[in-house]
C-alpha atoms as a PDB file:
ATOM      1  CA  MET A   1      -0.419  21.717   2.520  1.00  0.00           C
ATOM      2  CA  LEU A   2      -2.245  18.982   0.621  1.00  0.00           C
ATOM      3  CA  ALA A   3      -5.892  18.655   1.661  1.00  0.00           C
ATOM      4  CA  VAL A   4      -7.312  15.161   1.235  1.00  0.00           C
ATOM      5  CA  ASN A   5     -10.889  14.088   1.845  1.00  0.00           C
ATOM      6  CA  LEU A   6     -10.615  10.425   2.836  1.00  0.00           C
ATOM      7  CA  LEU A   7     -14.335   9.941   2.216  1.00  0.00           C
ATOM      8  CA  ASP A   8     -13.942  11.007  -1.423  1.00  0.00           C
ATOM      9  CA  GLY A   9     -12.394   8.396  -3.699  1.00  0.00           C
ATOM     10  CA  GLY A  10     -11.396  11.006  -6.282  1.00  0.00           C
ATOM     11  CA  SER A  11      -9.535  13.051  -3.676  1.00  0.00           C
ATOM     12  CA  VAL A  12      -7.675   9.960  -2.426  1.00  0.00           C
ATOM     13  CA  LEU A  13      -6.680   8.929  -5.947  1.00  0.00           C
ATOM     14  CA  ALA A  14      -5.485  12.419  -6.840  1.00  0.00           C
ATOM     15  CA  ALA A  15      -3.331  12.623  -3.704  1.00  0.00           C
ATOM     16  CA  PHE A  16      -1.943   9.096  -3.322  1.00  0.00           C
ATOM     17  CA  GLY A  17      -2.674   7.143  -6.500  1.00  0.00           C
ATOM     18  CA  ALA A  18      -2.331   3.364  -6.214  1.00  0.00           C
ATOM     19  CA  LEU A  19      -1.018   3.573  -2.641  1.00  0.00           C
ATOM     20  CA  GLY A  20      -4.250   5.308  -1.668  1.00  0.00           C
ATOM     21  CA  VAL A  21      -6.138   2.336  -3.110  1.00  0.00           C
ATOM     22  CA  LEU A  22      -4.087  -0.041  -0.960  1.00  0.00           C
ATOM     23  CA  ALA A  23      -4.609   1.938   2.248  1.00  0.00           C
ATOM     24  CA  VAL A  24      -8.346   2.550   1.834  1.00  0.00           C
ATOM     25  CA  VAL A  25      -9.178  -0.977   0.691  1.00  0.00           C
ATOM     26  CA  PHE A  26      -7.137  -2.408   3.568  1.00  0.00           C
ATOM     27  CA  ALA A  27      -9.000  -0.275   6.115  1.00  0.00           C
ATOM     28  CA  GLU A  28     -12.421  -0.871   4.579  1.00  0.00           C
ATOM     29  CA  SER A  29     -11.861  -4.628   4.503  1.00  0.00           C
ATOM     30  CA  GLY A  30     -11.556  -5.074   8.230  1.00  0.00           C
ATOM     31  CA  LEU A  31     -10.695  -2.067  10.388  1.00  0.00           C
ATOM     32  CA  LEU A  32     -13.932  -1.501  12.263  1.00  0.00           C
ATOM     33  CA  VAL A  33     -15.085   2.065  12.906  1.00  0.00           C
ATOM     34  CA  VAL A  34     -12.296   3.518  10.714  1.00  0.00           C
ATOM     35  CA  GLY A  35     -13.017   1.463   7.599  1.00  0.00           C
ATOM     36  CA  PHE A  36     -16.777   1.727   8.085  1.00  0.00           C
ATOM     37  CA  PHE A  37     -16.889   5.197   6.520  1.00  0.00           C
ATOM     38  CA  LEU A  38     -14.281   4.849   3.767  1.00  0.00           C
ATOM     39  CA  PRO A  39     -15.007   4.429   0.037  1.00  0.00           C
ATOM     40  CA  GLY A  40     -14.474   1.000  -1.478  1.00  0.00           C
ATOM     41  CA  ASP A  41     -16.467   0.401  -4.641  1.00  0.00           C
ATOM     42  CA  THR A  42     -16.442   4.141  -5.282  1.00  0.00           C
ATOM     43  CA  LEU A  43     -12.638   4.124  -5.195  1.00  0.00           C
ATOM     44  CA  LEU A  44     -11.831   0.965  -7.173  1.00  0.00           C
ATOM     45  CA  PHE A  45     -14.075   1.638 -10.153  1.00  0.00           C
ATOM     46  CA  PRO A  46     -12.840   5.211 -10.783  1.00  0.00           C
ATOM     47  CA  ALA A  47      -9.277   3.996 -10.270  1.00  0.00           C
ATOM     48  CA  GLY A  48      -9.804   1.556 -13.125  1.00  0.00           C
ATOM     49  CA  VAL A  49     -11.204   4.348 -15.307  1.00  0.00           C
ATOM     50  CA  LEU A  50      -8.135   6.497 -14.633  1.00  0.00           C
ATOM     51  CA  CYS A  51      -5.865   3.631 -15.733  1.00  0.00           C
ATOM     52  CA  ALA A  52      -7.173   3.903 -19.293  1.00  0.00           C
ATOM     53  CA  ALA A  53      -5.739   6.305 -21.872  1.00  0.00           C
ATOM     54  CA  SER A  54      -8.349   8.667 -23.273  1.00  0.00           C
ATOM     55  CA  ALA A  55      -8.487  11.248 -26.075  1.00  0.00           C
ATOM     56  CA  GLY A  56      -4.765  11.113 -26.680  1.00  0.00           C
ATOM     57  CA  GLN A  57      -3.947  11.600 -23.005  1.00  0.00           C
ATOM     58  CA  GLU A  58      -1.747   9.252 -21.016  1.00  0.00           C
ATOM     59  CA  PRO A  59      -3.452   7.211 -18.255  1.00  0.00           C
ATOM     60  CA  ARG A  60      -3.290   8.909 -14.857  1.00  0.00           C
ATOM     61  CA  LEU A  61      -2.714   5.635 -13.009  1.00  0.00           C
ATOM     62  CA  VAL A  62      -0.904   2.403 -13.918  1.00  0.00           C
ATOM     63  CA  LEU A  63      -3.246  -0.575 -14.202  1.00  0.00           C
ATOM     64  CA  TRP A  64      -0.976  -3.274 -12.790  1.00  0.00           C
ATOM     65  CA  GLN A  65      -0.075  -1.100  -9.807  1.00  0.00           C
ATOM     66  CA  VAL A  66      -3.724  -0.390  -8.997  1.00  0.00           C
ATOM     67  CA  MET A  67      -4.671  -4.068  -9.366  1.00  0.00           C
ATOM     68  CA  LEU A  68      -1.787  -5.190  -7.157  1.00  0.00           C
ATOM     69  CA  CYS A  69      -2.514  -2.606  -4.462  1.00  0.00           C
ATOM     70  CA  ALA A  70      -6.232  -3.427  -4.542  1.00  0.00           C
ATOM     71  CA  ALA A  71      -5.528  -7.146  -4.171  1.00  0.00           C
ATOM     72  CA  VAL A  72      -3.031  -6.717  -1.329  1.00  0.00           C
ATOM     73  CA  GLY A  73      -5.305  -4.280   0.508  1.00  0.00           C
ATOM     74  CA  ALA A  74      -8.367  -6.529   0.182  1.00  0.00           C
ATOM     75  CA  VAL A  75      -6.654  -9.755   1.255  1.00  0.00           C
ATOM     76  CA  ALA A  76      -4.482  -8.304   4.028  1.00  0.00           C
ATOM     77  CA  GLY A  77      -7.337  -6.163   5.359  1.00  0.00           C
ATOM     78  CA  GLY A  78      -9.697  -9.129   5.490  1.00  0.00           C
ATOM     79  CA  GLN A  79      -7.194 -11.228   7.405  1.00  0.00           C
ATOM     80  CA  VAL A  80      -6.453  -8.469   9.910  1.00  0.00           C
ATOM     81  CA  GLY A  81     -10.181  -7.929  10.415  1.00  0.00           C
ATOM     82  CA  PHE A  82     -10.614 -11.625  11.159  1.00  0.00           C
ATOM     83  CA  LEU A  83      -7.827 -11.550  13.756  1.00  0.00           C
ATOM     84  CA  LEU A  84      -9.338  -8.471  15.387  1.00  0.00           C
ATOM     85  CA  GLY A  85     -12.659 -10.273  15.570  1.00  0.00           C
ATOM     86  CA  ARG A  86     -11.071 -13.234  17.294  1.00  0.00           C
ATOM     87  CA  HIS A  87      -9.594 -10.983  19.965  1.00  0.00           C
ATOM     88  CA  GLY A  88     -12.425  -8.898  21.344  1.00  0.00           C
ATOM     89  CA  GLY A  89     -14.426  -8.307  18.191  1.00  0.00           C
ATOM     90  CA  ARG A  90     -17.707  -9.460  19.692  1.00  0.00           C
ATOM     91  CA  ALA A  91     -17.617  -6.749  22.376  1.00  0.00           C
ATOM     92  CA  LEU A  92     -16.907  -4.024  19.797  1.00  0.00           C
ATOM     93  CA  LEU A  93     -19.647  -5.200  17.448  1.00  0.00           C
ATOM     94  CA  ALA A  94     -22.152  -5.091  20.305  1.00  0.00           C
ATOM     95  CA  ARG A  95     -21.333  -1.548  21.504  1.00  0.00           C
ATOM     96  CA  PRO A  96     -24.612   0.298  22.175  1.00  0.00           C
ATOM     97  CA  ASP A  97     -23.286   3.612  20.814  1.00  0.00           C
ATOM     98  CA  ARG A  98     -22.600   2.159  17.353  1.00  0.00           C
ATOM     99  CA  ARG A  99     -26.073   1.520  15.945  1.00  0.00           C
ATOM    100  CA  ARG A 100     -25.042   1.333  12.269  1.00  0.00           C
ATOM    101  CA  LEU A 101     -22.158  -0.929  13.206  1.00  0.00           C
ATOM    102  CA  ARG A 102     -24.482  -3.277  15.108  1.00  0.00           C
ATOM    103  CA  GLU A 103     -26.952  -3.375  12.226  1.00  0.00           C
ATOM    104  CA  ALA A 104     -24.202  -4.177   9.711  1.00  0.00           C
ATOM    105  CA  ALA A 105     -22.833  -6.866  12.054  1.00  0.00           C
ATOM    106  CA  ALA A 106     -26.300  -8.416  12.296  1.00  0.00           C
ATOM    107  CA  ARG A 107     -26.525  -8.498   8.474  1.00  0.00           C
ATOM    108  CA  ALA A 108     -23.086 -10.108   8.324  1.00  0.00           C
ATOM    109  CA  GLU A 109     -24.162 -12.817  10.772  1.00  0.00           C
ATOM    110  CA  ARG A 110     -27.337 -13.483   8.795  1.00  0.00           C
ATOM    111  CA  LEU A 111     -25.271 -13.723   5.621  1.00  0.00           C
ATOM    112  CA  LEU A 112     -22.957 -16.311   7.208  1.00  0.00           C
ATOM    113  CA  ALA A 113     -25.903 -18.287   8.567  1.00  0.00           C
ATOM    114  CA  ARG A 114     -27.921 -18.184   5.348  1.00  0.00           C
ATOM    115  CA  TYR A 115     -25.276 -18.962   2.747  1.00  0.00           C
ATOM    116  CA  GLY A 116     -22.555 -20.772   4.663  1.00  0.00           C
ATOM    117  CA  TYR A 117     -19.015 -19.572   5.189  1.00  0.00           C
ATOM    118  CA  GLY A 118     -17.659 -19.811   1.644  1.00  0.00           C
ATOM    119  CA  LYS A 119     -20.520 -18.236  -0.281  1.00  0.00           C
ATOM    120  CA  ALA A 120     -21.111 -15.588   2.402  1.00  0.00           C
ATOM    121  CA  LEU A 121     -17.491 -14.439   2.414  1.00  0.00           C
ATOM    122  CA  VAL A 122     -17.565 -14.028  -1.363  1.00  0.00           C
ATOM    123  CA  ILE A 123     -20.983 -12.361  -1.588  1.00  0.00           C
ATOM    124  CA  GLY A 124     -20.283 -10.157   1.435  1.00  0.00           C
ATOM    125  CA  ARG A 125     -17.357  -8.482  -0.322  1.00  0.00           C
ATOM    126  CA  PHE A 126     -19.796  -6.890  -2.739  1.00  0.00           C
ATOM    127  CA  VAL A 127     -22.104  -5.499  -0.033  1.00  0.00           C
ATOM    128  CA  PRO A 128     -21.191  -2.026   1.303  1.00  0.00           C
ATOM    129  CA  LEU A 129     -20.944  -1.686   5.093  1.00  0.00           C
ATOM    130  CA  VAL A 130     -21.329  -5.444   5.491  1.00  0.00           C
ATOM    131  CA  ARG A 131     -17.884  -6.169   4.044  1.00  0.00           C
ATOM    132  CA  THR A 132     -16.232  -4.056   6.746  1.00  0.00           C
ATOM    133  CA  VAL A 133     -17.790  -6.027   9.606  1.00  0.00           C
ATOM    134  CA  LEU A 134     -18.002  -9.414   7.885  1.00  0.00           C
ATOM    135  CA  HIS A 135     -14.419 -10.417   8.597  1.00  0.00           C
ATOM    136  CA  PRO A 136     -14.361  -9.348  12.266  1.00  0.00           C
ATOM    137  CA  ALA A 137     -17.763 -11.030  12.661  1.00  0.00           C
ATOM    138  CA  ALA A 138     -16.371 -14.237  11.163  1.00  0.00           C
ATOM    139  CA  GLY A 139     -13.507 -14.123  13.660  1.00  0.00           C
ATOM    140  CA  ALA A 140     -15.860 -13.478  16.575  1.00  0.00           C
ATOM    141  CA  LEU A 141     -18.140 -16.341  15.486  1.00  0.00           C
ATOM    142  CA  GLY A 142     -15.250 -18.803  15.354  1.00  0.00           C
ATOM    143  CA  VAL A 143     -15.121 -19.516  11.618  1.00  0.00           C
ATOM    144  CA  PRO A 144     -12.182 -21.933  11.043  1.00  0.00           C
ATOM    145  CA  VAL A 145      -9.011 -20.097  10.009  1.00  0.00           C
ATOM    146  CA  ARG A 146      -8.313 -22.175   6.891  1.00  0.00           C
ATOM    147  CA  THR A 147     -11.890 -21.919   5.648  1.00  0.00           C
ATOM    148  CA  PHE A 148     -11.962 -18.186   6.259  1.00  0.00           C
ATOM    149  CA  THR A 149      -8.598 -17.553   4.634  1.00  0.00           C
ATOM    150  CA  LEU A 150      -9.455 -19.498   1.481  1.00  0.00           C
ATOM    151  CA  TRP A 151     -12.784 -17.824   0.861  1.00  0.00           C
ATOM    152  CA  GLN A 152     -11.849 -14.327   1.925  1.00  0.00           C
ATOM    153  CA  VAL A 153      -8.938 -14.440  -0.534  1.00  0.00           C
ATOM    154  CA  VAL A 154     -11.280 -15.618  -3.300  1.00  0.00           C
ATOM    155  CA  GLY A 155     -13.847 -12.949  -2.430  1.00  0.00           C
ATOM    156  CA  GLY A 156     -11.253 -10.212  -2.026  1.00  0.00           C
ATOM    157  CA  LEU A 157      -9.643 -10.886  -5.378  1.00  0.00           C
ATOM    158  CA  LEU A 158     -12.964 -11.190  -7.214  1.00  0.00           C
ATOM    159  CA  TRP A 159     -14.281  -7.963  -5.722  1.00  0.00           C
ATOM    160  CA  SER A 160     -11.186  -5.802  -6.120  1.00  0.00           C
ATOM    161  CA  GLN A 161     -10.037  -7.011  -9.519  1.00  0.00           C
ATOM    162  CA  THR A 162     -13.517  -7.072 -11.072  1.00  0.00           C
ATOM    163  CA  LEU A 163     -14.233  -3.457 -10.135  1.00  0.00           C
ATOM    164  CA  VAL A 164     -10.852  -2.178 -11.296  1.00  0.00           C
ATOM    165  CA  LEU A 165     -11.064  -4.053 -14.606  1.00  0.00           C
ATOM    166  CA  ALA A 166     -14.678  -2.942 -15.150  1.00  0.00           C
ATOM    167  CA  GLY A 167     -13.604   0.668 -14.702  1.00  0.00           C
ATOM    168  CA  TYR A 168     -10.643   0.147 -17.018  1.00  0.00           C
ATOM    169  CA  ALA A 169     -12.849  -1.429 -19.699  1.00  0.00           C
ATOM    170  CA  LEU A 170     -15.275   1.490 -19.534  1.00  0.00           C
ATOM    171  CA  GLY A 171     -12.468   4.043 -19.582  1.00  0.00           C
ATOM    172  CA  SER A 172     -10.917   2.358 -22.624  1.00  0.00           C
ATOM    173  CA  SER A 173     -14.159   2.152 -24.596  1.00  0.00           C
ATOM    174  CA  VAL A 174     -15.817   5.511 -23.817  1.00  0.00           C
ATOM    175  CA  PRO A 175     -13.674   8.577 -24.620  1.00  0.00           C
ATOM    176  CA  GLY A 176     -13.811  11.308 -22.005  1.00  0.00           C
ATOM    177  CA  ILE A 177     -15.660   9.183 -19.442  1.00  0.00           C
ATOM    178  CA  GLU A 178     -13.201  10.298 -16.757  1.00  0.00           C
ATOM    179  CA  ASN A 179     -14.908  13.708 -16.879  1.00  0.00           C
ATOM    180  CA  TYR A 180     -18.034  12.131 -15.426  1.00  0.00           C
ATOM    181  CA  LEU A 181     -16.537  10.353 -12.427  1.00  0.00           C
ATOM    182  CA  LEU A 182     -19.109  11.791 -10.019  1.00  0.00           C
ATOM    183  CA  LEU A 183     -21.942  10.329 -12.080  1.00  0.00           C
ATOM    184  CA  LEU A 184     -20.107   7.011 -12.311  1.00  0.00           C
ATOM    185  CA  VAL A 185     -19.630   6.947  -8.555  1.00  0.00           C
ATOM    186  CA  ALA A 186     -23.370   7.523  -8.069  1.00  0.00           C
ATOM    187  CA  VAL A 187     -24.165   4.614 -10.390  1.00  0.00           C
ATOM    188  CA  VAL A 188     -21.669   2.366  -8.597  1.00  0.00           C
ATOM    189  CA  VAL A 189     -23.234   3.236  -5.230  1.00  0.00           C
ATOM    190  CA  VAL A 190     -26.716   2.278  -6.472  1.00  0.00           C
ATOM    191  CA  VAL A 191     -25.514  -0.974  -8.047  1.00  0.00           C
ATOM    192  CA  SER A 192     -23.462  -1.928  -4.981  1.00  0.00           C
ATOM    193  CA  LEU A 193     -26.538  -1.570  -2.768  1.00  0.00           C
ATOM    194  CA  LEU A 194     -28.528  -4.152  -4.768  1.00  0.00           C
ATOM    195  CA  PRO A 195     -27.031  -7.188  -2.943  1.00  0.00           C
ATOM    196  CA  MET A 196     -28.393  -5.738   0.310  1.00  0.00           C
ATOM    197  CA  LEU A 197     -32.016  -6.134  -0.799  1.00  0.00           C
ATOM    198  CA  PRO A 198     -32.314  -9.855   0.116  1.00  0.00           C
ATOM    199  CA  LEU A 199     -30.739  -9.141   3.511  1.00  0.00           C
ATOM    200  CA  LEU A 200     -33.115  -6.269   4.212  1.00  0.00           C
ATOM    201  CA  THR A 201     -36.073  -8.405   3.141  1.00  0.00           C
ATOM    202  CA  ALA A 202     -34.954 -11.231   5.426  1.00  0.00           C
ATOM    203  CA  SER A 203     -34.474  -8.787   8.297  1.00  0.00           C
ATOM    204  CA  ARG A 204     -37.989  -7.378   7.930  1.00  0.00           C
ATOM    205  CA  ARG A 205     -39.412 -10.886   7.689  1.00  0.00           C
ATOM    206  CA  ASP A 206     -37.627 -11.916  10.894  1.00  0.00           C
ATOM    207  CA  LYS A 207     -38.925  -8.846  12.736  1.00  0.00           C
ATOM    208  CA  HIS A 208     -42.456  -9.566  11.517  1.00  0.00           C
ATOM    209  CA  ASP A 209     -42.213 -13.199  12.667  1.00  0.00           C
ATOM    210  CA  ASP A 210     -41.027 -12.112  16.116  1.00  0.00           C
ATOM    211  CA  ARG A 211     -44.157 -10.029  16.692  1.00  0.00           C
END
């Protein structure tokens, strides 16, 4: 029996390949609670690395398949998340037993308020945790469908394709880099958290002003 750790991008890629990318990215882009704990950045970047041939070995994944699955998962997941938000998303985001979910939803709302719909939907794709609740939050807040669809597609494609291609470029230029995927994942996690710094600063400032 094949054992797969859905929280580990390497395990998902080894078991399902490009289809695993599609499923995880779809869930992480809008399926609240389920997608909240799944890898996103830490799946796409290693997937790109594994698409590159290295040291005479054939690539383990096919680049165009990974890019297509990442794009479909990101766009379709975002749209489904938006629809879920329009139909009862507000109640789920406010559940008292989901503290991390509520905090991420609050960051998503601040992002939408601070940057406007278009910029927020693009920037939010690159922020872990926030991207999972951003689309349901947009639906719950009544963002116009056409505006949401346009910008979530732009953000989804930029996020998914950039990470895959960045991994592919690194895998093509550094021989044997696939042997250090755990280290790469750690670096990706740190870098992906950087966009959260302005949101955390704004949150602390708001709390200080409320005192």
